[in-house]
Amino acid sequence: MAHSASAKKRIRQNAKARARNRWHKRGFRELIKDYNELILHGTVEDSQEKLRAIYKSLDQVASDNTIHKNTAARYKSRLTAKLNVKKSVAA
């Protein structure tokens, strides 16, 4: 248990930051789940629109240092690869 005022404040700040980070992560993970469903059952155009939204979300989360920028890049690369496979199958 924290005794000093500054330690108590730090605990409060950490709790807020953790809640904010979890909320951001949950947001882009839900977008990715929707995107994966679109890859399986949707059209290429719908998937491209969803991918743009995911890019924006990942960039925002990475800019807040909730996730590392390379992690965001890795997500984007893998999701784009799925879209490219869908495009090649559709063609």
N, C-alpha and C. Protein backbone atom coordinates (compact mmCIF):
# COMPACT_ATOMS: atom_id res chain seq x y z
N MET A 1 0.84 -1.18 0.00
CA MET A 1 0.00 0.00 0.00
C MET A 1 0.88 1.23 0.00
N ALA A 2 0.50 2.18 -0.81
CA ALA A 2 1.26 3.42 -0.90
C ALA A 2 1.00 4.29 0.33
N HIS A 3 2.04 4.96 0.78
CA HIS A 3 1.91 5.80 1.97
C HIS A 3 1.99 7.29 1.62
N SER A 4 2.85 7.64 0.69
CA SER A 4 3.01 9.06 0.39
C SER A 4 1.92 9.52 -0.58
N ALA A 5 1.70 10.78 -0.59
CA ALA A 5 0.66 11.36 -1.46
C ALA A 5 1.03 11.17 -2.93
N SER A 6 2.31 11.31 -3.24
CA SER A 6 2.73 11.17 -4.63
C SER A 6 2.57 9.72 -5.11
N ALA A 7 2.81 8.76 -4.22
CA ALA A 7 2.64 7.36 -4.58
C ALA A 7 1.16 7.03 -4.80
N LYS A 8 0.30 7.61 -3.97
CA LYS A 8 -1.14 7.41 -4.14
C LYS A 8 -1.62 8.01 -5.46
N LYS A 9 -1.09 9.18 -5.78
CA LYS A 9 -1.47 9.82 -7.04
C LYS A 9 -1.00 8.98 -8.22
N ARG A 10 0.20 8.44 -8.13
CA ARG A 10 0.74 7.61 -9.21
C ARG A 10 -0.14 6.38 -9.43
N ILE A 11 -0.65 5.80 -8.35
CA ILE A 11 -1.54 4.65 -8.47
C ILE A 11 -2.82 5.04 -9.22
N ARG A 12 -3.36 6.22 -8.89
CA ARG A 12 -4.56 6.69 -9.60
C ARG A 12 -4.27 6.93 -11.08
N GLN A 13 -3.13 7.52 -11.37
CA GLN A 13 -2.77 7.80 -12.76
C GLN A 13 -2.57 6.51 -13.55
N ASN A 14 -1.93 5.54 -12.93
CA ASN A 14 -1.71 4.26 -13.59
C ASN A 14 -3.02 3.55 -13.90
N ALA A 15 -3.97 3.64 -12.99
CA ALA A 15 -5.27 3.01 -13.21
C ALA A 15 -6.00 3.66 -14.39
N LYS A 16 -5.94 4.98 -14.46
CA LYS A 16 -6.58 5.68 -15.58
C LYS A 16 -5.92 5.32 -16.90
N ALA A 17 -4.60 5.31 -16.91
CA ALA A 17 -3.87 5.00 -18.15
C ALA A 17 -4.15 3.57 -18.59
N ARG A 18 -4.19 2.65 -17.65
CA ARG A 18 -4.46 1.25 -17.98
C ARG A 18 -5.85 1.11 -18.58
N ALA A 19 -6.84 1.78 -18.00
CA ALA A 19 -8.20 1.72 -18.52
C ALA A 19 -8.26 2.31 -19.93
N ARG A 20 -7.58 3.41 -20.15
CA ARG A 20 -7.56 4.06 -21.46
C ARG A 20 -6.90 3.15 -22.49
N ASN A 21 -5.76 2.55 -22.13
CA ASN A 21 -5.05 1.67 -23.05
C ASN A 21 -5.89 0.45 -23.40
N ARG A 22 -6.55 -0.12 -22.41
CA ARG A 22 -7.39 -1.29 -22.67
C ARG A 22 -8.55 -0.93 -23.58
N TRP A 23 -9.12 0.26 -23.41
CA TRP A 23 -10.23 0.70 -24.25
C TRP A 23 -9.77 0.87 -25.70
N HIS A 24 -8.59 1.46 -25.90
CA HIS A 24 -8.06 1.65 -27.25
C HIS A 24 -7.77 0.31 -27.91
N LYS A 25 -7.15 -0.60 -27.17
CA LYS A 25 -6.82 -1.91 -27.73
C LYS A 25 -8.08 -2.68 -28.09
N ARG A 26 -9.08 -2.61 -27.23
CA ARG A 26 -10.33 -3.31 -27.51
C ARG A 26 -10.96 -2.76 -28.79
N GLY A 27 -10.83 -1.45 -29.00
CA GLY A 27 -11.41 -0.83 -30.19
C GLY A 27 -10.82 -1.37 -31.48
N PHE A 28 -9.49 -1.40 -31.59
CA PHE A 28 -8.94 -1.85 -32.86
C PHE A 28 -9.03 -3.37 -33.00
N ARG A 29 -9.07 -4.09 -31.89
CA ARG A 29 -9.24 -5.54 -32.00
C ARG A 29 -10.64 -5.91 -32.49
N GLU A 30 -11.64 -5.14 -32.09
CA GLU A 30 -12.99 -5.37 -32.60
C GLU A 30 -13.06 -5.08 -34.09
N LEU A 31 -12.37 -4.02 -34.52
CA LEU A 31 -12.32 -3.72 -35.95
C LEU A 31 -11.66 -4.86 -36.73
N ILE A 32 -10.62 -5.43 -36.16
CA ILE A 32 -9.92 -6.53 -36.84
C ILE A 32 -10.82 -7.76 -36.93
N LYS A 33 -11.60 -8.04 -35.89
CA LYS A 33 -12.52 -9.17 -35.94
C LYS A 33 -13.56 -8.97 -37.04
N ASP A 34 -14.09 -7.75 -37.14
CA ASP A 34 -15.06 -7.45 -38.20
C ASP A 34 -14.41 -7.60 -39.57
N TYR A 35 -13.18 -7.15 -39.69
CA TYR A 35 -12.44 -7.24 -40.94
C TYR A 35 -12.24 -8.70 -41.35
N ASN A 36 -11.88 -9.54 -40.39
CA ASN A 36 -11.68 -10.96 -40.71
C ASN A 36 -12.97 -11.61 -41.19
N GLU A 37 -14.09 -11.20 -40.62
CA GLU A 37 -15.39 -11.70 -41.10
C GLU A 37 -15.65 -11.23 -42.52
N LEU A 38 -15.30 -9.97 -42.81
CA LEU A 38 -15.48 -9.46 -44.17
C LEU A 38 -14.59 -10.19 -45.16
N ILE A 39 -13.40 -10.53 -44.74
CA ILE A 39 -12.49 -11.27 -45.62
C ILE A 39 -13.12 -12.62 -45.99
N LEU A 40 -13.77 -13.26 -45.03
CA LEU A 40 -14.37 -14.57 -45.29
C LEU A 40 -15.68 -14.47 -46.06
N HIS A 41 -16.51 -13.49 -45.73
CA HIS A 41 -17.87 -13.48 -46.25
C HIS A 41 -18.25 -12.23 -47.02
N GLY A 42 -17.41 -11.22 -47.05
CA GLY A 42 -17.77 -9.95 -47.67
C GLY A 42 -17.12 -9.75 -49.02
N THR A 43 -17.27 -8.55 -49.55
CA THR A 43 -16.69 -8.20 -50.83
C THR A 43 -15.33 -7.55 -50.63
N VAL A 44 -14.58 -7.47 -51.71
CA VAL A 44 -13.25 -6.85 -51.66
C VAL A 44 -13.38 -5.36 -51.32
N GLU A 45 -14.39 -4.70 -51.89
CA GLU A 45 -14.55 -3.27 -51.66
C GLU A 45 -14.86 -2.97 -50.19
N ASP A 46 -15.75 -3.78 -49.61
CA ASP A 46 -16.07 -3.59 -48.19
C ASP A 46 -14.83 -3.83 -47.32
N SER A 47 -14.06 -4.83 -47.69
CA SER A 47 -12.85 -5.14 -46.93
C SER A 47 -11.84 -4.00 -47.01
N GLN A 48 -11.74 -3.37 -48.18
CA GLN A 48 -10.82 -2.25 -48.32
C GLN A 48 -11.24 -1.07 -47.45
N GLU A 49 -12.53 -0.81 -47.39
CA GLU A 49 -13.03 0.28 -46.55
C GLU A 49 -12.73 0.01 -45.07
N LYS A 50 -12.97 -1.23 -44.66
CA LYS A 50 -12.70 -1.59 -43.26
C LYS A 50 -11.21 -1.50 -42.96
N LEU A 51 -10.37 -1.88 -43.94
CA LEU A 51 -8.92 -1.83 -43.74
C LEU A 51 -8.45 -0.39 -43.54
N ARG A 52 -9.04 0.56 -44.26
CA ARG A 52 -8.67 1.96 -44.06
C ARG A 52 -9.01 2.41 -42.64
N ALA A 53 -10.16 1.99 -42.14
CA ALA A 53 -10.55 2.35 -40.78
C ALA A 53 -9.59 1.74 -39.76
N ILE A 54 -9.15 0.51 -40.02
CA ILE A 54 -8.21 -0.15 -39.12
C ILE A 54 -6.87 0.57 -39.14
N TYR A 55 -6.42 0.97 -40.34
CA TYR A 55 -5.16 1.72 -40.44
C TYR A 55 -5.21 2.97 -39.56
N LYS A 56 -6.31 3.69 -39.67
CA LYS A 56 -6.45 4.93 -38.90
C LYS A 56 -6.41 4.63 -37.40
N SER A 57 -7.15 3.61 -36.99
CA SER A 57 -7.20 3.26 -35.58
C SER A 57 -5.83 2.82 -35.07
N LEU A 58 -5.14 1.99 -35.83
CA LEU A 58 -3.82 1.52 -35.41
C LEU A 58 -2.82 2.67 -35.32
N ASP A 59 -2.88 3.58 -36.27
CA ASP A 59 -1.97 4.72 -36.23
C ASP A 59 -2.23 5.60 -35.01
N GLN A 60 -3.50 5.78 -34.67
CA GLN A 60 -3.83 6.59 -33.50
C GLN A 60 -3.35 5.92 -32.22
N VAL A 61 -3.57 4.62 -32.11
CA VAL A 61 -3.16 3.89 -30.91
C VAL A 61 -1.64 3.88 -30.79
N ALA A 62 -0.95 3.73 -31.93
CA ALA A 62 0.51 3.73 -31.90
C ALA A 62 1.05 5.11 -31.56
N SER A 63 0.37 6.17 -32.00
CA SER A 63 0.86 7.51 -31.70
C SER A 63 0.71 7.83 -30.22
N ASP A 64 -0.23 7.19 -29.53
CA ASP A 64 -0.40 7.37 -28.09
C ASP A 64 0.50 6.46 -27.28
N ASN A 65 1.32 5.66 -27.96
CA ASN A 65 2.22 4.69 -27.32
C ASN A 65 1.47 3.61 -26.55
N THR A 66 0.22 3.36 -26.93
CA THR A 66 -0.49 2.23 -26.34
C THR A 66 0.09 0.94 -26.87
N ILE A 67 0.37 0.91 -28.18
CA ILE A 67 1.12 -0.19 -28.77
C ILE A 67 2.33 0.42 -29.48
N HIS A 68 3.33 -0.39 -29.71
CA HIS A 68 4.54 0.08 -30.38
C HIS A 68 4.24 0.31 -31.85
N LYS A 69 4.94 1.24 -32.47
CA LYS A 69 4.69 1.55 -33.88
C LYS A 69 4.99 0.36 -34.78
N ASN A 70 5.97 -0.46 -34.41
CA ASN A 70 6.27 -1.64 -35.22
C ASN A 70 5.18 -2.69 -35.08
N THR A 71 4.54 -2.76 -33.94
CA THR A 71 3.42 -3.67 -33.76
C THR A 71 2.27 -3.24 -34.66
N ALA A 72 2.01 -1.96 -34.74
CA ALA A 72 0.97 -1.45 -35.63
C ALA A 72 1.32 -1.77 -37.08
N ALA A 73 2.56 -1.59 -37.45
CA ALA A 73 3.00 -1.89 -38.81
C ALA A 73 2.84 -3.38 -39.12
N ARG A 74 3.13 -4.22 -38.14
CA ARG A 74 2.99 -5.66 -38.34
C ARG A 74 1.54 -6.05 -38.55
N TYR A 75 0.64 -5.48 -37.74
CA TYR A 75 -0.79 -5.71 -37.93
C TYR A 75 -1.22 -5.29 -39.33
N LYS A 76 -0.82 -4.09 -39.73
CA LYS A 76 -1.23 -3.57 -41.03
C LYS A 76 -0.72 -4.46 -42.16
N SER A 77 0.52 -4.92 -42.05
CA SER A 77 1.09 -5.76 -43.08
C SER A 77 0.34 -7.08 -43.21
N ARG A 78 0.04 -7.69 -42.10
CA ARG A 78 -0.65 -8.98 -42.13
C ARG A 78 -2.08 -8.85 -42.64
N LEU A 79 -2.76 -7.78 -42.25
CA LEU A 79 -4.13 -7.56 -42.71
C LEU A 79 -4.16 -7.25 -44.20
N THR A 80 -3.18 -6.51 -44.68
CA THR A 80 -3.10 -6.22 -46.11
C THR A 80 -2.81 -7.49 -46.90
N ALA A 81 -1.99 -8.35 -46.36
CA ALA A 81 -1.69 -9.62 -47.03
C ALA A 81 -2.96 -10.45 -47.19
N LYS A 82 -3.82 -10.45 -46.18
CA LYS A 82 -5.09 -11.17 -46.29
C LYS A 82 -5.96 -10.60 -47.39
N LEU A 83 -5.97 -9.27 -47.49
CA LEU A 83 -6.76 -8.63 -48.53
C LEU A 83 -6.21 -8.96 -49.91
N ASN A 84 -4.89 -8.99 -50.05
CA ASN A 84 -4.28 -9.32 -51.33
C ASN A 84 -4.61 -10.75 -51.75
N VAL A 85 -4.66 -11.66 -50.80
CA VAL A 85 -5.06 -13.04 -51.12
C VAL A 85 -6.50 -13.08 -51.60
N LYS A 86 -7.36 -12.33 -50.92
CA LYS A 86 -8.76 -12.28 -51.34
C LYS A 86 -8.90 -11.69 -52.73
N LYS A 87 -8.12 -10.66 -53.03
CA LYS A 87 -8.17 -10.05 -54.35
C LYS A 87 -7.72 -11.04 -55.43
N SER A 88 -6.66 -11.79 -55.14
CA SER A 88 -6.14 -12.73 -56.14
C SER A 88 -7.12 -13.88 -56.36
N VAL A 89 -7.82 -14.30 -55.32
CA VAL A 89 -8.82 -15.36 -55.47
C VAL A 89 -10.02 -14.85 -56.25
N ALA A 90 -10.41 -13.58 -56.01
CA ALA A 90 -11.56 -13.00 -56.69
C ALA A 90 -11.27 -12.75 -58.17
N ALA A 91 -10.02 -12.54 -58.51
CA ALA A 91 -9.68 -12.23 -59.91
C ALA A 91 -9.66 -13.43 -60.81
